[in-house]
């Protein structure tokens, strides 16, 4: 009698949403699901509840009940898993799977980008970070949080735009269309910008990034200065990962496509397109969990 087939669940839990996908042994997609934010910043229980909603939706689409989930290996990539005690708390949660493994959402994206092979990614979105792995070495460059780090990110672009707009407002910098538009958001009143700053988050600053990119692409001098400086920071992240031994690097995140034309030619030549997404990486993690169990002596 042949053994029952195994299935593989991948979950990518991020700060804006959670995605799940179930595949069979041959890689055929059987079901997919979505839910809201899943990050340990919201608390372990809230993060797991979002993960459960996403894989529950995927299981429903696949027609899975408890019997099928008992033959499923799960891989979970989760934002904020590096917080103290988070991994231990997650591993203590009861689950319906044959086996489960966890990693960060960034490492899940890296696994997917390079089909599980050695490599690295640079994420340029609201924040920025370079990370990857070579053999048993984990690589990390930057990504320590805005405003002390996350150079070249959307939040960084927004911050630099507000800084230059304020300088232009009081005569320390030439005005431009970009800087005028930024100040219009504050009714041309620096004290309105100060009041906004007191409550603004990295996401609020990053919301200004599309405006900065638009003006830069239209030739605005201040916009070009800001975007070129950001691109140089991303260049440095990419080069540093290569210097640390990464055989391949992929650029990901919401700013990846807009910023790529601004990158140095040597960096653009060396970047590799992603093989798959973060859910693909989580499924790789699940398959590895299955392989480890198969290789364990009874």
Foldseek 3Di string as FASTA:
>chain_A
DDDDWAKEKFWQAAQAWIKMWIATPVGDTQFIFIFGHAACVVPLVVNVVRVCRGVVRRCVSNVHDLVRQQRYFFFYAHHHCPPPPNLVVNVPDDDSHVYYDYHHLQALQQCQQVVNAWFWEWEAELFIWIWTDDVPDIDTDWPPDPPVTRFLHLLQLLVLLQVQLVCCLVPNHPDWPSSVVVCVVQVSDVVSVVVCVVPDDSVNSSVCSVSLLVVVVVPIPSSVVSLLRSLVVVLVSQVVRVVVPGQAYAYHYPCRVSNLVSHDPVSNVRHDGGNGGSSSSSRVVRVVRVVVVVPDDD
